[in-house]
Amino acid sequence: AGDAELMPAGIEQAASAGSILIGRFALLQADHVAT
């Protein structure tokens, strides 16, 4: 389903991806992204 939300594990995975993008690749949370 296109409207399916993240499960609790998915929220953790997303936060981890954010840490990688911000920490390792020095991207800013204010950056505009594509989804």
Full PDB file with SEQRES, HELIX, SHEET, SSBOND, CRYST1, ORIGX, SCALE, CONECT and MASTER records, all heavy atoms in Angstrom:
SEQRES   1 A   35  ALA GLY ASP ALA GLU LEU MET PRO ALA GLY ILE GLU GLN          
SEQRES   2 A   35  ALA ALA SER ALA GLY SER ILE LEU ILE GLY ARG PHE ALA          
SEQRES   3 A   35  LEU LEU GLN ALA ASP HIS VAL ALA THR                          
HELIX    1 AA1 PRO A    8  SER A   19  1                                  12    
HELIX    2 AA2 ILE A   20  ARG A   24  3                                   5    
CRYST1    1.000    1.000    1.000  90.00  90.00  90.00 P 1           1          
ORIGX1      1.000000  0.000000  0.000000        0.00000                         
ORIGX2      0.000000  1.000000  0.000000        0.00000                         
ORIGX3      0.000000  0.000000  1.000000        0.00000                         
SCALE1      1.000000  0.000000  0.000000        0.00000                         
SCALE2      0.000000  1.000000  0.000000        0.00000                         
SCALE3      0.000000  0.000000  1.000000        0.00000                         
ATOM      1  N   ALA A   1       0.827  -1.210   0.000  1.00  0.00           N  
ATOM      2  CA  ALA A   1       0.000   0.000   0.000  1.00  0.00           C  
ATOM      3  C   ALA A   1       0.862   1.262   0.000  1.00  0.00           C  
ATOM      4  O   ALA A   1       1.834   1.364   0.740  1.00  0.00           O  
ATOM      5  CB  ALA A   1      -0.920  -0.004   1.221  1.00  0.00           C  
ATOM      6  N   GLY A   2       0.502   2.217  -0.846  1.00  0.00           N  
ATOM      7  CA  GLY A   2       1.238   3.472  -0.955  1.00  0.00           C  
ATOM      8  C   GLY A   2       1.140   4.345   0.282  1.00  0.00           C  
ATOM      9  O   GLY A   2       2.008   5.168   0.541  1.00  0.00           O  
ATOM     10  N   ASP A   3       0.079   4.143   1.073  1.00  0.00           N  
ATOM     11  CA  ASP A   3      -0.110   4.979   2.256  1.00  0.00           C  
ATOM     12  C   ASP A   3       0.350   4.295   3.550  1.00  0.00           C  
ATOM     13  O   ASP A   3       0.070   4.776   4.644  1.00  0.00           O  
ATOM     14  CB  ASP A   3      -1.564   5.412   2.377  1.00  0.00           C  
ATOM     15  CG  ASP A   3      -2.529   4.251   2.548  1.00  0.00           C  
ATOM     16  OD1 ASP A   3      -2.107   3.069   2.406  1.00  0.00           O  
ATOM     17  OD2 ASP A   3      -3.720   4.493   2.815  1.00  0.00           O  
ATOM     18  N   ALA A   4       1.080   3.188   3.416  1.00  0.00           N  
ATOM     19  CA  ALA A   4       1.547   2.459   4.605  1.00  0.00           C  
ATOM     20  C   ALA A   4       2.599   3.276   5.354  1.00  0.00           C  
ATOM     21  O   ALA A   4       3.521   3.813   4.752  1.00  0.00           O  
ATOM     22  CB  ALA A   4       2.128   1.114   4.196  1.00  0.00           C  
ATOM     23  N   GLU A   5       2.439   3.349   6.663  1.00  0.00           N  
ATOM     24  CA  GLU A   5       3.386   4.089   7.495  1.00  0.00           C  
ATOM     25  C   GLU A   5       4.499   3.176   7.993  1.00  0.00           C  
ATOM     26  O   GLU A   5       4.379   1.952   7.962  1.00  0.00           O  
ATOM     27  CB  GLU A   5       2.648   4.718   8.670  1.00  0.00           C  
ATOM     28  CG  GLU A   5       1.676   5.792   8.216  1.00  0.00           C  
ATOM     29  CD  GLU A   5       1.106   6.586   9.363  1.00  0.00           C  
ATOM     30  OE1 GLU A   5       1.545   6.413  10.515  1.00  0.00           O  
ATOM     31  OE2 GLU A   5       0.210   7.395   9.099  1.00  0.00           O  
ATOM     32  N   LEU A   6       5.566   3.800   8.465  1.00  0.00           N  
ATOM     33  CA  LEU A   6       6.686   3.050   9.004  1.00  0.00           C  
ATOM     34  C   LEU A   6       6.279   2.311  10.277  1.00  0.00           C  
ATOM     35  O   LEU A   6       5.486   2.811  11.071  1.00  0.00           O  
ATOM     36  CB  LEU A   6       7.855   3.977   9.335  1.00  0.00           C  
ATOM     37  CG  LEU A   6       8.507   4.706   8.167  1.00  0.00           C  
ATOM     38  CD1 LEU A   6       9.641   5.597   8.681  1.00  0.00           C  
ATOM     39  CD2 LEU A   6       9.019   3.737   7.120  1.00  0.00           C  
ATOM     40  N   MET A   7       6.856   1.139  10.453  1.00  0.00           N  
ATOM     41  CA  MET A   7       6.723   0.389  11.695  1.00  0.00           C  
ATOM     42  C   MET A   7       7.753   0.962  12.670  1.00  0.00           C  
ATOM     43  O   MET A   7       8.643   1.711  12.257  1.00  0.00           O  
ATOM     44  CB  MET A   7       6.972  -1.090  11.413  1.00  0.00           C  
ATOM     45  CG  MET A   7       5.959  -1.686  10.444  1.00  0.00           C  
ATOM     46  SD  MET A   7       6.382  -3.346   9.843  1.00  0.00           S  
ATOM     47  CE  MET A   7       6.355  -4.279  11.357  1.00  0.00           C  
ATOM     48  N   PRO A   8       7.671   0.640  13.963  1.00  0.00           N  
ATOM     49  CA  PRO A   8       8.672   1.160  14.912  1.00  0.00           C  
ATOM     50  C   PRO A   8      10.119   0.879  14.469  1.00  0.00           C  
ATOM     51  O   PRO A   8      10.981   1.753  14.581  1.00  0.00           O  
ATOM     52  CB  PRO A   8       8.323   0.455  16.224  1.00  0.00           C  
ATOM     53  CG  PRO A   8       6.840   0.252  16.125  1.00  0.00           C  
ATOM     54  CD  PRO A   8       6.599  -0.089  14.668  1.00  0.00           C  
ATOM     55  N   ALA A   9      10.388  -0.306  13.930  1.00  0.00           N  
ATOM     56  CA  ALA A   9      11.742  -0.612  13.440  1.00  0.00           C  
ATOM     57  C   ALA A   9      12.107   0.301  12.271  1.00  0.00           C  
ATOM     58  O   ALA A   9      13.259   0.707  12.119  1.00  0.00           O  
ATOM     59  CB  ALA A   9      11.840  -2.076  13.015  1.00  0.00           C  
ATOM     60  N   GLY A  10      11.128   0.648  11.432  1.00  0.00           N  
ATOM     61  CA  GLY A  10      11.365   1.542  10.303  1.00  0.00           C  
ATOM     62  C   GLY A  10      11.717   2.952  10.744  1.00  0.00           C  
ATOM     63  O   GLY A  10      12.524   3.633  10.108  1.00  0.00           O  
ATOM     64  N   ILE A  11      11.114   3.389  11.839  1.00  0.00           N  
ATOM     65  CA  ILE A  11      11.439   4.710  12.397  1.00  0.00           C  
ATOM     66  C   ILE A  11      12.888   4.722  12.874  1.00  0.00           C  
ATOM     67  O   ILE A  11      13.628   5.681  12.628  1.00  0.00           O  
ATOM     68  CB  ILE A  11      10.444   5.079  13.518  1.00  0.00           C  
ATOM     69  CG1 ILE A  11       9.050   5.306  12.909  1.00  0.00           C  
ATOM     70  CG2 ILE A  11      10.920   6.308  14.286  1.00  0.00           C  
ATOM     71  CD1 ILE A  11       7.934   5.443  13.916  1.00  0.00           C  
ATOM     72  N   GLU A  12      13.309   3.636  13.512  1.00  0.00           N  
ATOM     73  CA  GLU A  12      14.708   3.525  13.956  1.00  0.00           C  
ATOM     74  C   GLU A  12      15.659   3.504  12.757  1.00  0.00           C  
ATOM     75  O   GLU A  12      16.718   4.140  12.780  1.00  0.00           O  
ATOM     76  CB  GLU A  12      14.897   2.264  14.798  1.00  0.00           C  
ATOM     77  CG  GLU A  12      14.224   2.321  16.147  1.00  0.00           C  
ATOM     78  CD  GLU A  12      14.323   1.015  16.917  1.00  0.00           C  
ATOM     79  OE1 GLU A  12      15.209   0.178  16.606  1.00  0.00           O  
ATOM     80  OE2 GLU A  12      13.508   0.826  17.838  1.00  0.00           O  
ATOM     81  N   GLN A  13      15.296   2.779  11.704  1.00  0.00           N  
ATOM     82  CA  GLN A  13      16.132   2.719  10.496  1.00  0.00           C  
ATOM     83  C   GLN A  13      16.248   4.100   9.852  1.00  0.00           C  
ATOM     84  O   GLN A  13      17.317   4.484   9.382  1.00  0.00           O  
ATOM     85  CB  GLN A  13      15.541   1.706   9.503  1.00  0.00           C  
ATOM     86  CG  GLN A  13      15.625   0.283   9.995  1.00  0.00           C  
ATOM     87  CD  GLN A  13      14.633  -0.650   9.315  1.00  0.00           C  
ATOM     88  OE1 GLN A  13      13.650  -0.215   8.719  1.00  0.00           O  
ATOM     89  NE2 GLN A  13      14.896  -1.951   9.436  1.00  0.00           N  
ATOM     90  N   ALA A  14      15.159   4.838   9.839  1.00  0.00           N  
ATOM     91  CA  ALA A  14      15.171   6.183   9.265  1.00  0.00           C  
ATOM     92  C   ALA A  14      16.075   7.108  10.072  1.00  0.00           C  
ATOM     93  O   ALA A  14      16.857   7.882   9.491  1.00  0.00           O  
ATOM     94  CB  ALA A  14      13.748   6.742   9.218  1.00  0.00           C  
ATOM     95  N   ALA A  15      15.988   7.031  11.386  1.00  0.00           N  
ATOM     96  CA  ALA A  15      16.841   7.865  12.237  1.00  0.00           C  
ATOM     97  C   ALA A  15      18.314   7.522  12.009  1.00  0.00           C  
ATOM     98  O   ALA A  15      19.172   8.417  11.955  1.00  0.00           O  
ATOM     99  CB  ALA A  15      16.464   7.676  13.707  1.00  0.00           C  
ATOM    100  N   SER A  16      18.611   6.242  11.851  1.00  0.00           N  
ATOM    101  CA  SER A  16      19.986   5.809  11.581  1.00  0.00           C  
ATOM    102  C   SER A  16      20.470   6.353  10.236  1.00  0.00           C  
ATOM    103  O   SER A  16      21.606   6.825  10.120  1.00  0.00           O  
ATOM    104  CB  SER A  16      20.053   4.280  11.591  1.00  0.00           C  
ATOM    105  OG  SER A  16      21.349   3.844  11.281  1.00  0.00           O  
ATOM    106  N   ALA A  17      19.608   6.312   9.226  1.00  0.00           N  
ATOM    107  CA  ALA A  17      19.974   6.867   7.908  1.00  0.00           C  
ATOM    108  C   ALA A  17      20.257   8.357   8.032  1.00  0.00           C  
ATOM    109  O   ALA A  17      21.208   8.875   7.437  1.00  0.00           O  
ATOM    110  CB  ALA A  17      18.857   6.618   6.897  1.00  0.00           C  
ATOM    111  N   GLY A  18      19.457   9.051   8.823  1.00  0.00           N  
ATOM    112  CA  GLY A  18      19.684  10.481   9.045  1.00  0.00           C  
ATOM    113  C   GLY A  18      21.032  10.737   9.702  1.00  0.00           C  
ATOM    114  O   GLY A  18      21.751  11.669   9.317  1.00  0.00           O  
ATOM    115  N   SER A  19      21.392   9.906  10.670  1.00  0.00           N  
ATOM    116  CA  SER A  19      22.699  10.049  11.328  1.00  0.00           C  
ATOM    117  C   SER A  19      23.838   9.862  10.333  1.00  0.00           C  
ATOM    118  O   SER A  19      24.845  10.574  10.394  1.00  0.00           O  
ATOM    119  CB  SER A  19      22.836   9.032  12.460  1.00  0.00           C  
ATOM    120  OG  SER A  19      21.913   9.322  13.475  1.00  0.00           O  
ATOM    121  N   ILE A  20      23.679   8.925   9.419  1.00  0.00           N  
ATOM    122  CA  ILE A  20      24.707   8.686   8.393  1.00  0.00           C  
ATOM    123  C   ILE A  20      24.797   9.883   7.455  1.00  0.00           C  
ATOM    124  O   ILE A  20      25.887  10.376   7.164  1.00  0.00           O  
ATOM    125  CB  ILE A  20      24.402   7.395   7.617  1.00  0.00           C  
ATOM    126  CG1 ILE A  20      24.599   6.185   8.531  1.00  0.00           C  
ATOM    127  CG2 ILE A  20      25.270   7.284   6.368  1.00  0.00           C  
ATOM    128  CD1 ILE A  20      24.065   4.880   7.972  1.00  0.00           C  
ATOM    129  N   LEU A  21      23.658  10.354   6.979  1.00  0.00           N  
ATOM    130  CA  LEU A  21      23.649  11.477   6.038  1.00  0.00           C  
ATOM    131  C   LEU A  21      24.236  12.736   6.670  1.00  0.00           C  
ATOM    132  O   LEU A  21      25.000  13.457   6.038  1.00  0.00           O  
ATOM    133  CB  LEU A  21      22.229  11.749   5.545  1.00  0.00           C  
ATOM    134  CG  LEU A  21      21.633  10.680   4.633  1.00  0.00           C  
ATOM    135  CD1 LEU A  21      20.137  10.885   4.475  1.00  0.00           C  
ATOM    136  CD2 LEU A  21      22.319  10.688   3.271  1.00  0.00           C  
ATOM    137  N   ILE A  22      23.888  12.974   7.908  1.00  0.00           N  
ATOM    138  CA  ILE A  22      24.332  14.190   8.589  1.00  0.00           C  
ATOM    139  C   ILE A  22      25.751  14.030   9.129  1.00  0.00           C  
ATOM    140  O   ILE A  22      26.588  14.919   8.974  1.00  0.00           O  
ATOM    141  CB  ILE A  22      23.331  14.565   9.700  1.00  0.00           C  
ATOM    142  CG1 ILE A  22      21.993  14.944   9.049  1.00  0.00           C  
ATOM    143  CG2 ILE A  22      23.866  15.697  10.562  1.00  0.00           C  
ATOM    144  CD1 ILE A  22      20.816  14.906   9.984  1.00  0.00           C  
ATOM    145  N   GLY A  23      26.032  12.880   9.735  1.00  0.00           N  
ATOM    146  CA  GLY A  23      27.336  12.652  10.345  1.00  0.00           C  
ATOM    147  C   GLY A  23      28.440  12.340   9.356  1.00  0.00           C  
ATOM    148  O   GLY A  23      29.446  13.036   9.278  1.00  0.00           O  
ATOM    149  N   ARG A  24      28.252  11.306   8.554  1.00  0.00           N  
ATOM    150  CA  ARG A  24      29.299  10.859   7.633  1.00  0.00           C  
ATOM    151  C   ARG A  24      29.417  11.745   6.393  1.00  0.00           C  
ATOM    152  O   ARG A  24      30.505  12.020   5.920  1.00  0.00           O  
ATOM    153  CB  ARG A  24      29.049   9.413   7.205  1.00  0.00           C  
ATOM    154  CG  ARG A  24      30.197   8.871   6.348  1.00  0.00           C  
ATOM    155  CD  ARG A  24      29.976   7.470   5.824  1.00  0.00           C  
ATOM    156  NE  ARG A  24      29.484   6.554   6.841  1.00  0.00           N  
ATOM    157  CZ  ARG A  24      28.889   5.403   6.554  1.00  0.00           C  
ATOM    158  NH1 ARG A  24      28.716   5.029   5.302  1.00  0.00           N  
ATOM    159  NH2 ARG A  24      28.450   4.614   7.513  1.00  0.00           N  
ATOM    160  N   PHE A  25      28.284  12.171   5.857  1.00  0.00           N  
ATOM    161  CA  PHE A  25      28.313  12.922   4.600  1.00  0.00           C  
ATOM    162  C   PHE A  25      28.123  14.418   4.780  1.00  0.00           C  
ATOM    163  O   PHE A  25      28.068  15.162   3.812  1.00  0.00           O  
ATOM    164  CB  PHE A  25      27.272  12.349   3.629  1.00  0.00           C  
ATOM    165  CG  PHE A  25      27.515  10.911   3.285  1.00  0.00           C  
ATOM    166  CD1 PHE A  25      26.594   9.938   3.621  1.00  0.00           C  
ATOM    167  CD2 PHE A  25      28.683  10.519   2.645  1.00  0.00           C  
ATOM    168  CE1 PHE A  25      26.811   8.600   3.315  1.00  0.00           C  
ATOM    169  CE2 PHE A  25      28.919   9.186   2.326  1.00  0.00           C  
ATOM    170  CZ  PHE A  25      27.984   8.224   2.659  1.00  0.00           C  
ATOM    171  N   ALA A  26      27.996  14.858   6.017  1.00  0.00           N  
ATOM    172  CA  ALA A  26      27.936  16.279   6.375  1.00  0.00           C  
ATOM    173  C   ALA A  26      26.813  17.038   5.666  1.00  0.00           C  
ATOM    174  O   ALA A  26      26.970  18.197   5.307  1.00  0.00           O  
ATOM    175  CB  ALA A  26      29.281  16.951   6.123  1.00  0.00           C  
ATOM    176  N   LEU A  27      25.686  16.368   5.470  1.00  0.00           N  
ATOM    177  CA  LEU A  27      24.536  17.062   4.902  1.00  0.00           C  
ATOM    178  C   LEU A  27      23.797  17.774   6.024  1.00  0.00           C  
ATOM    179  O   LEU A  27      23.852  17.368   7.181  1.00  0.00           O  
ATOM    180  CB  LEU A  27      23.615  16.060   4.205  1.00  0.00           C  
ATOM    181  CG  LEU A  27      24.261  15.337   3.024  1.00  0.00           C  
ATOM    182  CD1 LEU A  27      23.348  14.229   2.531  1.00  0.00           C  
ATOM    183  CD2 LEU A  27      24.550  16.303   1.902  1.00  0.00           C  
ATOM    184  N   LEU A  28      23.099  18.816   5.680  1.00  0.00           N  
ATOM    185  CA  LEU A  28      22.359  19.592   6.674  1.00  0.00           C  
ATOM    186  C   LEU A  28      20.898  19.193   6.653  1.00  0.00           C  
ATOM    187  O   LEU A  28      20.327  18.949   5.596  1.00  0.00           O  
ATOM    188  CB  LEU A  28      22.489  21.084   6.369  1.00  0.00           C  
ATOM    189  CG  LEU A  28      23.913  21.635   6.313  1.00  0.00           C  
ATOM    190  CD1 LEU A  28      23.893  23.093   5.884  1.00  0.00           C  
ATOM    191  CD2 LEU A  28      24.590  21.483   7.663  1.00  0.00           C  
ATOM    192  N   GLN A  29      20.291  19.165   7.831  1.00  0.00           N  
ATOM    193  CA  GLN A  29      18.876  18.822   7.897  1.00  0.00           C  
ATOM    194  C   GLN A  29      18.014  19.840   7.165  1.00  0.00           C  
ATOM    195  O   GLN A  29      16.897  19.536   6.777  1.00  0.00           O  
ATOM    196  CB  GLN A  29      18.436  18.676   9.351  1.00  0.00           C  
ATOM    197  CG  GLN A  29      19.015  17.439   9.991  1.00  0.00           C  
ATOM    198  CD  GLN A  29      18.662  17.342  11.458  1.00  0.00           C  
ATOM    199  OE1 GLN A  29      18.704  18.326  12.173  1.00  0.00           O  
ATOM    200  NE2 GLN A  29      18.332  16.145  11.902  1.00  0.00           N  
ATOM    201  N   ALA A  30      18.533  21.020   6.954  1.00  0.00           N  
ATOM    202  CA  ALA A  30      17.788  22.047   6.225  1.00  0.00           C  
ATOM    203  C   ALA A  30      17.840  21.821   4.717  1.00  0.00           C  
ATOM    204  O   ALA A  30      17.120  22.460   3.962  1.00  0.00           O  
ATOM    205  CB  ALA A  30      18.337  23.433   6.556  1.00  0.00           C  
ATOM    206  N   ASP A  31      18.701  20.910   4.269  1.00  0.00           N  
ATOM    207  CA  ASP A  31      18.803  20.631   2.839  1.00  0.00           C  
ATOM    208  C   ASP A  31      17.475  20.108   2.307  1.00  0.00           C  
ATOM    209  O   ASP A  31      16.740  19.400   2.981  1.00  0.00           O  
ATOM    210  CB  ASP A  31      19.894  19.591   2.558  1.00  0.00           C  
ATOM    211  CG  ASP A  31      21.290  20.151   2.715  1.00  0.00           C  
ATOM    212  OD1 ASP A  31      21.434  21.381   2.806  1.00  0.00           O  
ATOM    213  OD2 ASP A  31      22.244  19.351   2.738  1.00  0.00           O  
ATOM    214  N   HIS A  32      17.193  20.458   1.069  1.00  0.00           N  
ATOM    215  CA  HIS A  32      15.995  19.995   0.381  1.00  0.00           C  
ATOM    216  C   HIS A  32      16.292  18.612  -0.189  1.00  0.00           C  
ATOM    217  O   HIS A  32      17.334  18.411  -0.795  1.00  0.00           O  
ATOM    218  CB  HIS A  32      15.652  20.991  -0.738  1.00  0.00           C  
ATOM    219  CG  HIS A  32      14.251  20.885  -1.198  1.00  0.00           C  
ATOM    220  ND1 HIS A  32      13.230  21.598  -0.615  1.00  0.00           N  
ATOM    221  CD2 HIS A  32      13.686  20.148  -2.170  1.00  0.00           C  
ATOM    222  CE1 HIS A  32      12.100  21.313  -1.227  1.00  0.00           C  
ATOM    223  NE2 HIS A  32      12.352  20.413  -2.176  1.00  0.00           N  
ATOM    224  N   VAL A  33      15.394  17.644   0.018  1.00  0.00           N  
ATOM    225  CA  VAL A  33      15.600  16.285  -0.463  1.00  0.00           C  
ATOM    226  C   VAL A  33      14.444  15.873  -1.368  1.00  0.00           C  
ATOM    227  O   VAL A  33      13.397  16.523  -1.400  1.00  0.00           O  
ATOM    228  CB  VAL A  33      15.757  15.286   0.712  1.00  0.00           C  
ATOM    229  CG1 VAL A  33      16.967  15.644   1.567  1.00  0.00           C  
ATOM    230  CG2 VAL A  33      14.497  15.207   1.559  1.00  0.00           C  
ATOM    231  N   ALA A  34      14.654  14.765  -2.095  1.00  0.00           N  
ATOM    232  CA  ALA A  34      13.631  14.201  -2.974  1.00  0.00           C  
ATOM    233  C   ALA A  34      13.063  12.944  -2.329  1.00  0.00           C  
ATOM    234  O   ALA A  34      13.790  12.191  -1.680  1.00  0.00           O  
ATOM    235  CB  ALA A  34      14.249  13.852  -4.330  1.00  0.00           C  
ATOM    236  N   THR A  35      11.756  12.720  -2.502  1.00  0.00           N  
ATOM    237  CA  THR A  35      11.135  11.489  -2.030  1.00  0.00           C  
ATOM    238  C   THR A  35      10.217  10.937  -3.111  1.00  0.00           C  
ATOM    239  O   THR A  35       9.819  11.651  -4.030  1.00  0.00           O  
ATOM    240  CB  THR A  35      10.277  11.691  -0.754  1.00  0.00           C  
ATOM    241  OG1 THR A  35       9.084  12.408  -1.100  1.00  0.00           O  
ATOM    242  CG2 THR A  35      11.041  12.414   0.334  1.00  0.00           C  
TER     243      THR A  35                                                      
MASTER        0    0    0    2    0    0    0    6  242    1    0    3          
END                                                                             
